[in-house]
Amino acid sequence: MYKMLSCSCDYNYNYEPGDWYFDGPLVPEFITLNFKRRKRCCSCGKLISLKSLCLEHSRVRYPHSDTESWIVTGRHLDDSLDDEASIRIASYYQCEQCAEIYLNLTDIGYECLNPCDDMCEALKEYHDLTGFKKEVK
């Protein structure tokens, strides 16, 4: 079984050209999906209906080449890779159900949770780790 829950992250990652990462607020908030088309949940893959609550995960990436780096940042690619990424790319979205799980797991200390991971599987893993048993009525 793939383990996705961790309370600590390795932040000493050396980024390569074109690598991207999530760059959202430290305390994400629900938004209403106001687009012309529905978006797909990055976690469960279901379509998010228009006007539904969802969580937006902003993303940024590093330049792919030295030429792109010069155009976008005005610096060499190697210099750009030493700083934070600055090229905004399309955000990912989570449906309300997956977002609730994501926010609750990150709130209790699982800071390295990837929004693209299956949140239902992450919740099952959390239940296995904690010995949680759902009460039967």
Protein backbone atom coordinates (compact mmCIF):
# COMPACT_ATOMS: atom_id res chain seq x y z
CA MET A 1 0.00 0.00 0.00
CA TYR A 2 1.25 3.45 -0.96
CA LYS A 3 1.78 5.61 2.12
CA MET A 4 0.80 9.20 1.52
CA LEU A 5 0.47 10.56 5.06
CA SER A 6 3.52 12.21 6.58
CA CYS A 7 3.96 14.91 9.22
CA SER A 8 7.24 16.17 7.83
CA CYS A 9 8.54 16.99 4.38
CA ASP A 10 11.94 17.03 2.74
CA TYR A 11 12.20 20.65 1.58
CA ASN A 12 15.73 20.27 0.25
CA TYR A 13 14.51 19.28 -3.19
CA ASN A 14 16.54 20.47 -6.18
CA TYR A 15 14.09 21.61 -8.84
CA GLU A 16 14.67 20.89 -12.51
CA PRO A 17 13.62 23.09 -15.43
CA GLY A 18 9.85 22.91 -15.93
CA ASP A 19 9.12 21.47 -12.46
CA TRP A 20 6.00 22.85 -10.81
CA TYR A 21 4.60 22.92 -7.31
CA PHE A 22 1.54 24.12 -5.43
CA ASP A 23 1.72 27.73 -4.31
CA GLY A 24 -1.46 28.43 -2.44
CA PRO A 25 -2.32 30.25 0.74
CA LEU A 26 -1.24 28.70 4.03
CA VAL A 27 -4.89 28.57 5.08
CA PRO A 28 -6.90 27.76 1.95
CA GLU A 29 -10.56 28.73 1.88
CA PHE A 30 -13.50 27.40 -0.08
CA ILE A 31 -14.46 29.30 -3.20
CA THR A 32 -17.49 29.06 -5.47
CA LEU A 33 -16.63 27.61 -8.87
CA ASN A 34 -17.41 30.53 -11.21
CA PHE A 35 -16.25 29.49 -14.66
CA LYS A 36 -17.94 28.86 -17.97
CA ARG A 37 -17.18 25.15 -17.67
CA ARG A 38 -16.98 22.65 -14.87
CA LYS A 39 -13.58 21.63 -13.51
CA ARG A 40 -12.41 18.15 -12.61
CA CYS A 41 -11.41 17.37 -9.02
CA CYS A 42 -7.66 16.71 -8.97
CA SER A 43 -8.17 14.15 -6.19
CA CYS A 44 -11.16 11.96 -7.08
CA GLY A 45 -11.59 12.91 -10.74
CA LYS A 46 -15.29 13.85 -10.48
CA LEU A 47 -16.57 16.91 -12.28
CA ILE A 48 -17.25 19.87 -10.00
CA SER A 49 -20.56 21.55 -10.83
CA LEU A 50 -20.72 25.25 -11.52
CA LYS A 51 -21.51 27.38 -8.45
CA SER A 52 -20.39 24.53 -6.15
CA LEU A 53 -17.96 24.99 -3.31
CA CYS A 54 -14.44 23.83 -4.05
CA LEU A 55 -10.85 24.41 -3.04
CA GLU A 56 -8.41 26.03 -5.48
CA HIS A 57 -4.76 24.98 -5.43
CA SER A 58 -2.61 27.56 -7.25
CA ARG A 59 0.46 26.28 -9.07
CA VAL A 60 3.71 27.81 -10.28
CA ARG A 61 6.53 26.38 -12.33
CA TYR A 62 10.12 27.00 -13.27
CA PRO A 63 11.14 27.94 -16.82
CA HIS A 64 11.71 25.08 -19.25
CA SER A 65 14.72 26.64 -20.96
CA ASP A 66 17.25 29.44 -20.71
CA THR A 67 15.37 31.34 -23.42
CA GLU A 68 12.09 31.16 -21.51
CA SER A 69 13.89 32.16 -18.33
CA TRP A 70 15.30 35.28 -20.03
CA ILE A 71 11.88 36.24 -21.43
CA VAL A 72 9.92 35.67 -18.22
CA THR A 73 12.38 36.46 -15.43
CA GLY A 74 15.19 38.36 -17.14
CA ARG A 75 17.77 35.93 -15.70
CA HIS A 76 19.66 32.78 -16.64
CA LEU A 77 17.90 29.47 -16.03
CA ASP A 78 20.38 28.43 -13.32
CA ASP A 79 19.68 31.64 -11.41
CA SER A 80 15.92 31.14 -11.78
CA LEU A 81 16.15 27.62 -10.34
CA ASP A 82 17.80 29.01 -7.19
CA ASP A 83 14.73 31.13 -6.34
CA GLU A 84 11.05 30.36 -5.99
CA ALA A 85 9.20 29.53 -9.19
CA SER A 86 7.43 32.53 -10.71
CA ILE A 87 5.51 31.30 -13.76
CA ARG A 88 1.83 30.86 -12.91
CA ILE A 89 0.12 27.85 -14.46
CA ALA A 90 -3.46 26.60 -14.31
CA SER A 91 -4.78 25.89 -10.83
CA TYR A 92 -6.04 22.51 -9.69
CA TYR A 93 -9.38 22.19 -7.91
CA GLN A 94 -10.79 19.81 -5.32
CA CYS A 95 -14.48 19.06 -4.90
CA GLU A 96 -16.06 19.88 -1.56
CA GLN A 97 -15.79 16.31 -0.22
CA CYS A 98 -12.10 15.87 -1.09
CA ALA A 99 -11.33 19.42 0.08
CA GLU A 100 -12.91 18.73 3.50
CA ILE A 101 -10.72 15.66 3.93
CA TYR A 102 -7.63 17.54 2.72
CA LEU A 103 -8.21 20.48 5.06
CA ASN A 104 -8.91 18.26 8.07
CA LEU A 105 -5.83 16.07 7.51
CA THR A 106 -3.55 19.06 6.99
CA ASP A 107 -5.10 20.78 10.03
CA ILE A 108 -4.15 17.88 12.31
CA GLY A 109 -0.55 17.93 11.10
CA TYR A 110 -0.21 16.02 7.83
CA GLU A 111 1.46 18.94 6.06
CA CYS A 112 2.94 17.00 3.15
CA LEU A 113 -0.34 15.79 1.72
CA ASN A 114 -0.50 16.22 -2.03
CA PRO A 115 -3.89 17.59 -3.18
CA CYS A 116 -3.74 15.25 -6.20
CA ASP A 117 -3.64 12.16 -3.99
CA ASP A 118 -6.90 10.27 -3.54
CA MET A 119 -8.31 11.89 -0.38
CA CYS A 120 -10.64 8.96 0.34
CA GLU A 121 -7.60 6.67 0.37
CA ALA A 122 -5.73 9.14 2.58
CA LEU A 123 -8.66 9.12 5.01
CA LYS A 124 -8.68 5.30 5.03
CA GLU A 125 -4.93 5.34 5.71
CA TYR A 126 -5.50 7.78 8.58
CA HIS A 127 -8.19 5.50 10.02
CA ASP A 128 -5.80 2.53 9.77
CA LEU A 129 -3.02 4.48 11.49
CA THR A 130 -5.23 5.70 14.33
CA GLY A 131 -7.36 2.58 14.79
CA PHE A 132 -10.54 4.57 14.11
CA LYS A 133 -13.65 2.40 13.94
CA LYS A 134 -16.89 3.80 12.55
CA GLU A 135 -19.75 3.29 15.00
CA VAL A 136 -22.56 1.10 13.72
CA LYS A 137 -26.01 2.25 14.80
